[in-house]
Amino acid sequence: MSHINIAGLEVGQVIGSQEILLTRDSLVRYAGASGDFNPIHYRDDFAQSVGLDGVLAHGMLTMGVAVQVVAEWIGDPGKIVDYGVRFTKPVFVDAKDGAVVVVTGKVGNINTETNEVRIDLSVVCAETSVLGKAQAVVRL
């Protein structure tokens, strides 16, 4: 586990960045784990029949992979005391190429009284922000 000194942090500082490849296999595994077997997550024909461009990733899967940047930075996911996002755009997962989600975390606020740091996440797929106001609060 890493030890992070709050005094050494600055607002705007990048804490990490990751590229996550989501594939159709990822969606099937997540569906099994979550119990969400909505066919928009695995059948192109069904997704298109309801007006979507194709199969899309589960929103909670996207949210879950995004916070990994914070969990890896802090070294202990139990130190994440709050996490929230707004779902702004779907992540379409191509049958052949999948979808690459790029996550970058930056220090958004430092509260030395509570020893808490807010991490603001940029979550982008195909040059489009897919999560808005994605923020995690960690207690150091």
C-alpha atoms as a PDB file:
ATOM      1  CA  MET A   1       0.000   0.000   0.000  1.00  0.00           C
ATOM      2  CA  SER A   2       1.317   3.431  -0.873  1.00  0.00           C
ATOM      3  CA  HIS A   3       1.582   6.230   1.640  1.00  0.00           C
ATOM      4  CA  ILE A   4       0.484   9.558   0.201  1.00  0.00           C
ATOM      5  CA  ASN A   5       1.390  12.761   1.980  1.00  0.00           C
ATOM      6  CA  ILE A   6      -1.463  15.261   1.673  1.00  0.00           C
ATOM      7  CA  ALA A   7       1.020  18.145   2.007  1.00  0.00           C
ATOM      8  CA  GLY A   8       2.733  17.002  -1.186  1.00  0.00           C
ATOM      9  CA  LEU A   9      -0.431  17.226  -3.300  1.00  0.00           C
ATOM     10  CA  GLU A  10      -1.533  20.135  -5.474  1.00  0.00           C
ATOM     11  CA  VAL A  11      -4.884  20.893  -7.102  1.00  0.00           C
ATOM     12  CA  GLY A  12      -4.617  19.941 -10.772  1.00  0.00           C
ATOM     13  CA  GLN A  13      -1.968  17.292 -10.163  1.00  0.00           C
ATOM     14  CA  VAL A  14      -2.491  14.145 -12.260  1.00  0.00           C
ATOM     15  CA  ILE A  15      -2.655  11.053 -10.051  1.00  0.00           C
ATOM     16  CA  GLY A  16      -2.843   8.532 -12.884  1.00  0.00           C
ATOM     17  CA  SER A  17      -4.212   7.578 -16.262  1.00  0.00           C
ATOM     18  CA  GLN A  18      -5.360   4.289 -17.780  1.00  0.00           C
ATOM     19  CA  GLU A  19      -6.711   2.938 -21.025  1.00  0.00           C
ATOM     20  CA  ILE A  20      -9.250   0.180 -20.475  1.00  0.00           C
ATOM     21  CA  LEU A  21     -10.330  -2.062 -23.339  1.00  0.00           C
ATOM     22  CA  LEU A  22     -13.923  -3.205 -23.027  1.00  0.00           C
ATOM     23  CA  THR A  23     -14.858  -6.119 -25.270  1.00  0.00           C
ATOM     24  CA  ARG A  24     -18.048  -8.053 -25.815  1.00  0.00           C
ATOM     25  CA  ASP A  25     -16.521 -10.681 -23.506  1.00  0.00           C
ATOM     26  CA  SER A  26     -16.215  -7.963 -20.835  1.00  0.00           C
ATOM     27  CA  LEU A  27     -19.919  -7.245 -21.211  1.00  0.00           C
ATOM     28  CA  VAL A  28     -20.897 -10.920 -20.919  1.00  0.00           C
ATOM     29  CA  ARG A  29     -18.774 -11.332 -17.796  1.00  0.00           C
ATOM     30  CA  TYR A  30     -20.222  -8.188 -16.243  1.00  0.00           C
ATOM     31  CA  ALA A  31     -23.762  -9.300 -17.089  1.00  0.00           C
ATOM     32  CA  GLY A  32     -23.134 -12.578 -15.310  1.00  0.00           C
ATOM     33  CA  ALA A  33     -21.677 -10.878 -12.242  1.00  0.00           C
ATOM     34  CA  SER A  34     -24.350  -8.174 -12.032  1.00  0.00           C
ATOM     35  CA  GLY A  35     -27.380 -10.107 -13.228  1.00  0.00           C
ATOM     36  CA  ASP A  36     -28.094  -7.414 -15.844  1.00  0.00           C
ATOM     37  CA  PHE A  37     -28.889  -9.394 -18.971  1.00  0.00           C
ATOM     38  CA  ASN A  38     -30.588  -6.593 -20.897  1.00  0.00           C
ATOM     39  CA  PRO A  39     -30.009  -7.508 -24.572  1.00  0.00           C
ATOM     40  CA  ILE A  40     -28.814  -3.978 -25.407  1.00  0.00           C
ATOM     41  CA  HIS A  41     -25.548  -5.134 -23.833  1.00  0.00           C
ATOM     42  CA  TYR A  42     -24.964  -8.126 -26.115  1.00  0.00           C
ATOM     43  CA  ARG A  43     -27.264  -8.161 -29.170  1.00  0.00           C
ATOM     44  CA  ASP A  44     -26.720  -5.668 -31.986  1.00  0.00           C
ATOM     45  CA  ASP A  45     -30.102  -6.412 -33.551  1.00  0.00           C
ATOM     46  CA  PHE A  46     -31.949  -5.712 -30.321  1.00  0.00           C
ATOM     47  CA  ALA A  47     -29.920  -2.581 -29.535  1.00  0.00           C
ATOM     48  CA  GLN A  48     -30.655  -1.202 -32.994  1.00  0.00           C
ATOM     49  CA  SER A  49     -34.344  -2.106 -32.707  1.00  0.00           C
ATOM     50  CA  VAL A  50     -34.637   0.268 -29.734  1.00  0.00           C
ATOM     51  CA  GLY A  51     -32.838   3.089 -31.530  1.00  0.00           C
ATOM     52  CA  LEU A  52     -29.247   2.572 -30.389  1.00  0.00           C
ATOM     53  CA  ASP A  53     -26.262   2.542 -32.732  1.00  0.00           C
ATOM     54  CA  GLY A  54     -25.209  -0.839 -31.357  1.00  0.00           C
ATOM     55  CA  VAL A  55     -24.370  -2.754 -28.214  1.00  0.00           C
ATOM     56  CA  LEU A  56     -23.372  -0.582 -25.299  1.00  0.00           C
ATOM     57  CA  ALA A  57     -21.491  -1.201 -22.083  1.00  0.00           C
ATOM     58  CA  HIS A  58     -23.343  -1.290 -18.804  1.00  0.00           C
ATOM     59  CA  GLY A  59     -23.183   2.120 -17.180  1.00  0.00           C
ATOM     60  CA  MET A  60     -22.121   0.625 -13.874  1.00  0.00           C
ATOM     61  CA  LEU A  61     -19.299  -1.256 -15.615  1.00  0.00           C
ATOM     62  CA  THR A  62     -18.017   2.018 -17.050  1.00  0.00           C
ATOM     63  CA  MET A  63     -18.332   3.646 -13.631  1.00  0.00           C
ATOM     64  CA  GLY A  64     -16.518   0.730 -11.998  1.00  0.00           C
ATOM     65  CA  VAL A  65     -13.550   0.661 -14.356  1.00  0.00           C
ATOM     66  CA  ALA A  66     -13.167   4.447 -14.103  1.00  0.00           C
ATOM     67  CA  VAL A  67     -12.584   4.454 -10.337  1.00  0.00           C
ATOM     68  CA  GLN A  68      -9.719   1.969 -10.665  1.00  0.00           C
ATOM     69  CA  VAL A  69      -7.321   4.851 -11.343  1.00  0.00           C
ATOM     70  CA  VAL A  70      -8.133   6.175  -7.868  1.00  0.00           C
ATOM     71  CA  ALA A  71      -7.995   2.763  -6.197  1.00  0.00           C
ATOM     72  CA  GLU A  72      -4.558   2.072  -7.659  1.00  0.00           C
ATOM     73  CA  TRP A  73      -3.262   5.512  -6.704  1.00  0.00           C
ATOM     74  CA  ILE A  74      -4.454   5.299  -3.103  1.00  0.00           C
ATOM     75  CA  GLY A  75      -3.446   1.640  -2.748  1.00  0.00           C
ATOM     76  CA  ASP A  76      -6.480   0.779  -0.614  1.00  0.00           C
ATOM     77  CA  PRO A  77      -9.960   0.990  -2.159  1.00  0.00           C
ATOM     78  CA  GLY A  78     -11.400   1.181   1.357  1.00  0.00           C
ATOM     79  CA  LYS A  79     -10.028   4.734   1.575  1.00  0.00           C
ATOM     80  CA  ILE A  80     -12.478   5.851  -1.119  1.00  0.00           C
ATOM     81  CA  VAL A  81     -15.253   7.343   1.007  1.00  0.00           C
ATOM     82  CA  ASP A  82     -17.444   8.777  -1.749  1.00  0.00           C
ATOM     83  CA  TYR A  83     -17.803   8.257  -5.479  1.00  0.00           C
ATOM     84  CA  GLY A  84     -20.326   9.560  -7.947  1.00  0.00           C
ATOM     85  CA  VAL A  85     -20.759  10.186 -11.654  1.00  0.00           C
ATOM     86  CA  ARG A  86     -23.275  11.457 -14.165  1.00  0.00           C
ATOM     87  CA  PHE A  87     -23.793   9.204 -17.161  1.00  0.00           C
ATOM     88  CA  THR A  88     -23.511  11.524 -20.160  1.00  0.00           C
ATOM     89  CA  LYS A  89     -22.960   9.301 -23.220  1.00  0.00           C
ATOM     90  CA  PRO A  90     -23.091   5.555 -23.849  1.00  0.00           C
ATOM     91  CA  VAL A  91     -19.987   3.476 -24.494  1.00  0.00           C
ATOM     92  CA  PHE A  92     -20.640   1.532 -27.692  1.00  0.00           C
ATOM     93  CA  VAL A  93     -18.670  -1.713 -27.813  1.00  0.00           C
ATOM     94  CA  ASP A  94     -17.794  -2.877 -31.322  1.00  0.00           C
ATOM     95  CA  ALA A  95     -17.996  -6.650 -31.842  1.00  0.00           C
ATOM     96  CA  LYS A  96     -14.503  -6.788 -33.337  1.00  0.00           C
ATOM     97  CA  ASP A  97     -12.546  -3.868 -31.859  1.00  0.00           C
ATOM     98  CA  GLY A  98     -14.299  -3.335 -28.544  1.00  0.00           C
ATOM     99  CA  ALA A  99     -14.120   0.128 -26.984  1.00  0.00           C
ATOM    100  CA  VAL A 100     -11.212   1.897 -25.317  1.00  0.00           C
ATOM    101  CA  VAL A 101     -12.107   3.980 -22.291  1.00  0.00           C
ATOM    102  CA  VAL A 102      -9.429   6.487 -21.267  1.00  0.00           C
ATOM    103  CA  VAL A 103      -9.503   7.587 -17.639  1.00  0.00           C
ATOM    104  CA  THR A 104      -7.376  10.367 -16.145  1.00  0.00           C
ATOM    105  CA  GLY A 105      -7.551  11.381 -12.505  1.00  0.00           C
ATOM    106  CA  LYS A 106      -6.566  14.808 -11.186  1.00  0.00           C
ATOM    107  CA  VAL A 107      -6.611  16.307  -7.715  1.00  0.00           C
ATOM    108  CA  GLY A 108      -9.689  18.545  -7.643  1.00  0.00           C
ATOM    109  CA  ASN A 109      -9.737  19.646  -4.011  1.00  0.00           C
ATOM    110  CA  ILE A 110      -7.660  19.143  -0.880  1.00  0.00           C
ATOM    111  CA  ASN A 111      -9.203  19.429   2.577  1.00  0.00           C
ATOM    112  CA  THR A 112      -6.418  19.304   5.159  1.00  0.00           C
ATOM    113  CA  GLU A 113      -8.912  19.595   8.062  1.00  0.00           C
ATOM    114  CA  THR A 114     -10.647  16.308   7.174  1.00  0.00           C
ATOM    115  CA  ASN A 115      -7.594  14.776   5.463  1.00  0.00           C
ATOM    116  CA  GLU A 116      -9.716  14.226   2.340  1.00  0.00           C
ATOM    117  CA  VAL A 117      -8.807  14.685  -1.294  1.00  0.00           C
ATOM    118  CA  ARG A 118     -11.301  14.902  -4.144  1.00  0.00           C
ATOM    119  CA  ILE A 119     -10.145  13.299  -7.364  1.00  0.00           C
ATOM    120  CA  ASP A 120     -11.835  14.487 -10.560  1.00  0.00           C
ATOM    121  CA  LEU A 121     -11.966  11.889 -13.309  1.00  0.00           C
ATOM    122  CA  SER A 122     -11.985  12.495 -17.036  1.00  0.00           C
ATOM    123  CA  VAL A 123     -13.592   9.457 -18.693  1.00  0.00           C
ATOM    124  CA  VAL A 124     -13.469   9.464 -22.492  1.00  0.00           C
ATOM    125  CA  CYS A 125     -14.312   6.958 -25.208  1.00  0.00           C
ATOM    126  CA  ALA A 126     -13.902   7.697 -28.911  1.00  0.00           C
ATOM    127  CA  GLU A 127     -12.990  11.311 -28.072  1.00  0.00           C
ATOM    128  CA  THR A 128     -16.296  11.773 -26.228  1.00  0.00           C
ATOM    129  CA  SER A 129     -16.719  12.308 -22.497  1.00  0.00           C
ATOM    130  CA  VAL A 130     -18.911   9.446 -21.287  1.00  0.00           C
ATOM    131  CA  LEU A 131     -19.077  10.304 -17.579  1.00  0.00           C
ATOM    132  CA  GLY A 132     -19.663  13.770 -16.251  1.00  0.00           C
ATOM    133  CA  LYS A 133     -18.840  15.090 -12.793  1.00  0.00           C
ATOM    134  CA  ALA A 134     -17.007  11.857 -12.043  1.00  0.00           C
ATOM    135  CA  GLN A 135     -15.513  12.465  -8.619  1.00  0.00           C
ATOM    136  CA  ALA A 136     -14.078  10.273  -5.902  1.00  0.00           C
ATOM    137  CA  VAL A 137     -13.202  11.410  -2.390  1.00  0.00           C
ATOM    138  CA  VAL A 138     -10.400   9.612  -0.570  1.00  0.00           C
ATOM    139  CA  ARG A 139      -9.511   9.911   3.083  1.00  0.00           C
ATOM    140  CA  LEU A 140      -5.791   9.744   3.659  1.00  0.00           C
END
